[in-house]
PDB file of N, CA and C in Angstrom:
ATOM      1  N   UNK A   1      -8.755   3.908  -7.480  1.00  0.00           N
ATOM      2  CA  UNK A   1      -7.307   3.948  -7.586  1.00  0.00           C
ATOM      3  C   UNK A   1      -6.745   2.535  -7.745  1.00  0.00           C
ATOM      4  N   UNK A   2      -7.209   1.581  -6.960  1.00  0.00           N
ATOM      5  CA  UNK A   2      -6.660   0.232  -7.026  1.00  0.00           C
ATOM      6  C   UNK A   2      -7.022  -0.478  -8.318  1.00  0.00           C
ATOM      7  N   UNK A   3      -8.231  -0.289  -8.790  1.00  0.00           N
ATOM      8  CA  UNK A   3      -8.664  -0.968 -10.009  1.00  0.00           C
ATOM      9  C   UNK A   3      -7.931  -0.423 -11.228  1.00  0.00           C
ATOM     10  N   UNK A   4      -7.760   0.877 -11.307  1.00  0.00           N
ATOM     11  CA  UNK A   4      -7.153   1.498 -12.486  1.00  0.00           C
ATOM     12  C   UNK A   4      -5.632   1.448 -12.476  1.00  0.00           C
ATOM     13  N   UNK A   5      -5.034   1.113 -11.324  1.00  0.00           N
ATOM     14  CA  UNK A   5      -3.573   1.084 -11.171  1.00  0.00           C
ATOM     15  C   UNK A   5      -2.938   2.439 -11.460  1.00  0.00           C
ATOM     16  N   UNK A   6      -3.673   3.500 -11.206  1.00  0.00           N
ATOM     17  CA  UNK A   6      -3.146   4.842 -11.411  1.00  0.00           C
ATOM     18  C   UNK A   6      -2.961   5.533 -10.070  1.00  0.00           C
ATOM     19  N   UNK A   7      -1.960   6.389 -10.027  1.00  0.00           N
ATOM     20  CA  UNK A   7      -1.731   7.197  -8.836  1.00  0.00           C
ATOM     21  C   UNK A   7      -2.804   8.271  -8.745  1.00  0.00           C
ATOM     22  N   UNK A   8      -3.014   8.748  -7.535  1.00  0.00           N
ATOM     23  CA  UNK A   8      -3.980   9.828  -7.328  1.00  0.00           C
ATOM     24  C   UNK A   8      -3.276  10.964  -6.597  1.00  0.00           C
ATOM     25  N   UNK A   9      -3.473  12.165  -7.107  1.00  0.00           N
ATOM     26  CA  UNK A   9      -2.897  13.354  -6.483  1.00  0.00           C
ATOM     27  C   UNK A   9      -4.023  14.341  -6.225  1.00  0.00           C
ATOM     28  N   UNK A  10      -4.049  14.886  -5.018  1.00  0.00           N
ATOM     29  CA  UNK A  10      -5.070  15.873  -4.699  1.00  0.00           C
ATOM     30  C   UNK A  10      -4.607  16.756  -3.540  1.00  0.00           C
ATOM     31  N   UNK A  11      -5.301  17.864  -3.385  1.00  0.00           N
ATOM     32  CA  UNK A  11      -5.066  18.758  -2.254  1.00  0.00           C
ATOM     33  C   UNK A  11      -6.141  18.475  -1.224  1.00  0.00           C
ATOM     34  N   UNK A  12      -5.753  18.450   0.042  1.00  0.00           N
ATOM     35  CA  UNK A  12      -6.730  18.204   1.094  1.00  0.00           C
ATOM     36  C   UNK A  12      -6.380  18.991   2.345  1.00  0.00           C
ATOM     37  N   UNK A  13      -7.421  19.560   2.966  1.00  0.00           N
ATOM     38  CA  UNK A  13      -7.247  20.292   4.215  1.00  0.00           C
ATOM     39  C   UNK A  13      -7.255  19.299   5.366  1.00  0.00           C
ATOM     40  N   UNK A  14      -6.325  19.493   6.304  1.00  0.00           N
ATOM     41  CA  UNK A  14      -6.206  18.613   7.465  1.00  0.00           C
ATOM     42  C   UNK A  14      -6.176  19.461   8.730  1.00  0.00           C
ATOM     43  N   UNK A  15      -6.925  19.025   9.735  1.00  0.00           N
ATOM     44  CA  UNK A  15      -6.919  19.668  11.050  1.00  0.00           C
ATOM     45  C   UNK A  15      -6.114  18.790  12.004  1.00  0.00           C
ATOM     46  N   UNK A  16      -5.071  19.358  12.591  1.00  0.00           N
ATOM     47  CA  UNK A  16      -4.236  18.633  13.542  1.00  0.00           C
ATOM     48  C   UNK A  16      -4.742  18.845  14.963  1.00  0.00           C
ATOM     49  N   UNK A  17      -4.440  17.906  15.870  1.00  0.00           N
ATOM     50  CA  UNK A  17      -4.884  18.037  17.260  1.00  0.00           C
ATOM     51  C   UNK A  17      -4.410  19.322  17.942  1.00  0.00           C
ATOM     52  N   UNK A  18      -3.289  19.878  17.481  1.00  0.00           N
ATOM     53  CA  UNK A  18      -2.777  21.108  18.104  1.00  0.00           C
ATOM     54  C   UNK A  18      -3.478  22.366  17.582  1.00  0.00           C
ATOM     55  N   UNK A  19      -4.485  22.187  16.706  1.00  0.00           N
ATOM     56  CA  UNK A  19      -5.262  23.316  16.215  1.00  0.00           C
ATOM     57  C   UNK A  19      -4.852  23.841  14.849  1.00  0.00           C
ATOM     58  N   UNK A  20      -3.726  23.362  14.314  1.00  0.00           N
ATOM     59  CA  UNK A  20      -3.305  23.818  12.983  1.00  0.00           C
ATOM     60  C   UNK A  20      -4.273  23.314  11.918  1.00  0.00           C
ATOM     61  N   UNK A  21      -4.514  24.133  10.910  1.00  0.00           N
ATOM     62  CA  UNK A  21      -5.357  23.803   9.758  1.00  0.00           C
ATOM     63  C   UNK A  21      -4.466  23.999   8.538  1.00  0.00           C
ATOM     64  N   UNK A  22      -4.025  22.895   7.902  1.00  0.00           N
ATOM     65  CA  UNK A  22      -3.050  22.992   6.816  1.00  0.00           C
ATOM     66  C   UNK A  22      -3.584  22.352   5.539  1.00  0.00           C
ATOM     67  N   UNK A  23      -3.097  22.870   4.416  1.00  0.00           N
ATOM     68  CA  UNK A  23      -3.426  22.324   3.106  1.00  0.00           C
ATOM     69  C   UNK A  23      -2.275  21.426   2.670  1.00  0.00           C
ATOM     70  N   UNK A  24      -2.596  20.158   2.368  1.00  0.00           N
ATOM     71  CA  UNK A  24      -1.580  19.200   1.954  1.00  0.00           C
ATOM     72  C   UNK A  24      -1.762  18.821   0.489  1.00  0.00           C
ATOM     73  N   UNK A  25      -0.650  18.781  -0.244  1.00  0.00           N
ATOM     74  CA  UNK A  25      -0.605  18.218  -1.593  1.00  0.00           C
ATOM     75  C   UNK A  25      -0.248  16.754  -1.380  1.00  0.00           C
ATOM     76  N   UNK A  26      -1.164  15.842  -1.728  1.00  0.00           N
ATOM     77  CA  UNK A  26      -0.993  14.432  -1.398  1.00  0.00           C
ATOM     78  C   UNK A  26      -0.952  13.571  -2.659  1.00  0.00           C
ATOM     79  N   UNK A  27       0.032  12.672  -2.716  1.00  0.00           N
ATOM     80  CA  UNK A  27       0.154  11.695  -3.794  1.00  0.00           C
ATOM     81  C   UNK A  27       0.008  10.313  -3.174  1.00  0.00           C
ATOM     82  N   UNK A  28      -0.917   9.517  -3.729  1.00  0.00           N
ATOM     83  CA  UNK A  28      -1.135   8.152  -3.250  1.00  0.00           C
ATOM     84  C   UNK A  28      -0.952   7.216  -4.435  1.00  0.00           C
ATOM     85  N   UNK A  29      -0.195   6.136  -4.222  1.00  0.00           N
ATOM     86  CA  UNK A  29       0.050   5.195  -5.305  1.00  0.00           C
ATOM     87  C   UNK A  29       0.193   3.779  -4.747  1.00  0.00           C
ATOM     88  N   UNK A  30       0.049   2.803  -5.612  1.00  0.00           N
ATOM     89  CA  UNK A  30       0.150   1.408  -5.220  1.00  0.00           C
ATOM     90  C   UNK A  30       1.606   0.948  -5.245  1.00  0.00           C
ATOM     91  N   UNK A  31       1.902  -0.060  -4.433  1.00  0.00           N
ATOM     92  CA  UNK A  31       3.231  -0.663  -4.394  1.00  0.00           C
ATOM     93  C   UNK A  31       3.070  -2.134  -4.753  1.00  0.00           C
ATOM     94  N   UNK A  32       3.815  -2.584  -5.769  1.00  0.00           N
ATOM     95  CA  UNK A  32       3.711  -3.962  -6.241  1.00  0.00           C
ATOM     96  C   UNK A  32       5.020  -4.709  -6.012  1.00  0.00           C
ATOM     97  N   UNK A  33       4.921  -6.028  -5.775  1.00  0.00           N
ATOM     98  CA  UNK A  33       6.124  -6.836  -5.595  1.00  0.00           C
ATOM     99  C   UNK A  33       6.684  -7.260  -6.952  1.00  0.00           C
ATOM    100  N   UNK A  34       7.731  -8.066  -6.921  1.00  0.00           N
ATOM    101  CA  UNK A  34       8.401  -8.474  -8.161  1.00  0.00           C
ATOM    102  C   UNK A  34       7.522  -9.327  -9.067  1.00  0.00           C
ATOM    103  N   UNK A  35       6.418  -9.878  -8.529  1.00  0.00           N
ATOM    104  CA  UNK A  35       5.483 -10.675  -9.325  1.00  0.00           C
ATOM    105  C   UNK A  35       4.289  -9.862  -9.820  1.00  0.00           C
ATOM    106  N   UNK A  36       4.311  -8.573  -9.555  1.00  0.00           N
ATOM    107  CA  UNK A  36       3.217  -7.720  -9.983  1.00  0.00           C
ATOM    108  C   UNK A  36       2.009  -7.743  -9.061  1.00  0.00           C
ATOM    109  N   UNK A  37       2.167  -8.359  -7.896  1.00  0.00           N
ATOM    110  CA  UNK A  37       1.078  -8.428  -6.923  1.00  0.00           C
ATOM    111  C   UNK A  37       1.082  -7.193  -6.032  1.00  0.00           C
ATOM    112  N   UNK A  38      -0.100  -6.673  -5.779  1.00  0.00           N
ATOM    113  CA  UNK A  38      -0.230  -5.529  -4.888  1.00  0.00           C
ATOM    114  C   UNK A  38       0.226  -5.929  -3.488  1.00  0.00           C
ATOM    115  N   UNK A  39       1.146  -5.157  -2.929  1.00  0.00           N
ATOM    116  CA  UNK A  39       1.627  -5.478  -1.580  1.00  0.00           C
ATOM    117  C   UNK A  39       1.514  -4.297  -0.626  1.00  0.00           C
ATOM    118  N   UNK A  40       1.056  -3.150  -1.118  1.00  0.00           N
ATOM    119  CA  UNK A  40       0.890  -2.021  -0.213  1.00  0.00           C
ATOM    120  C   UNK A  40       0.519  -0.747  -0.941  1.00  0.00           C
ATOM    121  N   UNK A  41       0.369   0.288  -0.158  1.00  0.00           N
ATOM    122  CA  UNK A  41       0.072   1.620  -0.667  1.00  0.00           C
ATOM    123  C   UNK A  41       1.092   2.590  -0.099  1.00  0.00           C
ATOM    124  N   UNK A  42       1.426   3.603  -0.886  1.00  0.00           N
ATOM    125  CA  UNK A  42       2.375   4.624  -0.455  1.00  0.00           C
ATOM    126  C   UNK A  42       1.685   5.974  -0.578  1.00  0.00           C
ATOM    127  N   UNK A  43       1.832   6.784   0.454  1.00  0.00           N
ATOM    128  CA  UNK A  43       1.282   8.128   0.420  1.00  0.00           C
ATOM    129  C   UNK A  43       2.338   9.134   0.829  1.00  0.00           C
ATOM    130  N   UNK A  44       2.433  10.204   0.070  1.00  0.00           N
ATOM    131  CA  UNK A  44       3.389  11.273   0.366  1.00  0.00           C
ATOM    132  C   UNK A  44       2.616  12.582   0.379  1.00  0.00           C
ATOM    133  N   UNK A  45       2.797  13.352   1.444  1.00  0.00           N
ATOM    134  CA  UNK A  45       2.106  14.641   1.558  1.00  0.00           C
ATOM    135  C   UNK A  45       3.103  15.735   1.877  1.00  0.00           C
ATOM    136  N   UNK A  46       2.819  16.921   1.356  1.00  0.00           N
ATOM    137  CA  UNK A  46       3.641  18.083   1.712  1.00  0.00           C
ATOM    138  C   UNK A  46       2.727  19.265   1.981  1.00  0.00           C
ATOM    139  N   UNK A  47       3.138  20.058   2.926  1.00  0.00           N
ATOM    140  CA  UNK A  47       2.363  21.216   3.358  1.00  0.00           C
ATOM    141  C   UNK A  47       2.510  22.332   2.325  1.00  0.00           C
ATOM    142  N   UNK A  48       1.384  22.729   1.721  1.00  0.00           N
ATOM    143  CA  UNK A  48       1.394  23.815   0.733  1.00  0.00           C
ATOM    144  C   UNK A  48       0.500  24.969   1.188  1.00  0.00           C
ATOM    145  N   UNK A  49       0.262  25.057   2.481  1.00  0.00           N
ATOM    146  CA  UNK A  49      -0.629  26.078   3.029  1.00  0.00           C
ATOM    147  C   UNK A  49      -0.209  27.479   2.611  1.00  0.00           C
ATOM    148  N   UNK A  50       1.083  27.767   2.602  1.00  0.00           N
ATOM    149  CA  UNK A  50       1.567  29.111   2.274  1.00  0.00           C
ATOM    150  C   UNK A  50       1.294  29.512   0.833  1.00  0.00           C
ATOM    151  N   UNK A  51       1.029  28.560  -0.038  1.00  0.00           N
ATOM    152  CA  UNK A  51       0.725  28.865  -1.443  1.00  0.00           C
ATOM    153  C   UNK A  51      -0.702  29.346  -1.630  1.00  0.00           C
ATOM    154  N   UNK A  52      -1.541  29.052  -0.686  1.00  0.00           N
ATOM    155  CA  UNK A  52      -2.971  29.366  -0.778  1.00  0.00           C
ATOM    156  C   UNK A  52      -3.255  30.807  -0.481  1.00  0.00           C
TER     157      UNK A  52
END
């Protein structure tokens, strides 16, 4: 992901400490500063368990 400078989107199962088992649609992408330098990563997930 970092080398190609492309975002990655995937579905992943997550087990929470309270026992829930949920399917997340996750988008991960790089964050760059005004000089084009990598300064962080951003991840956004949403619960799509009910779609499964």
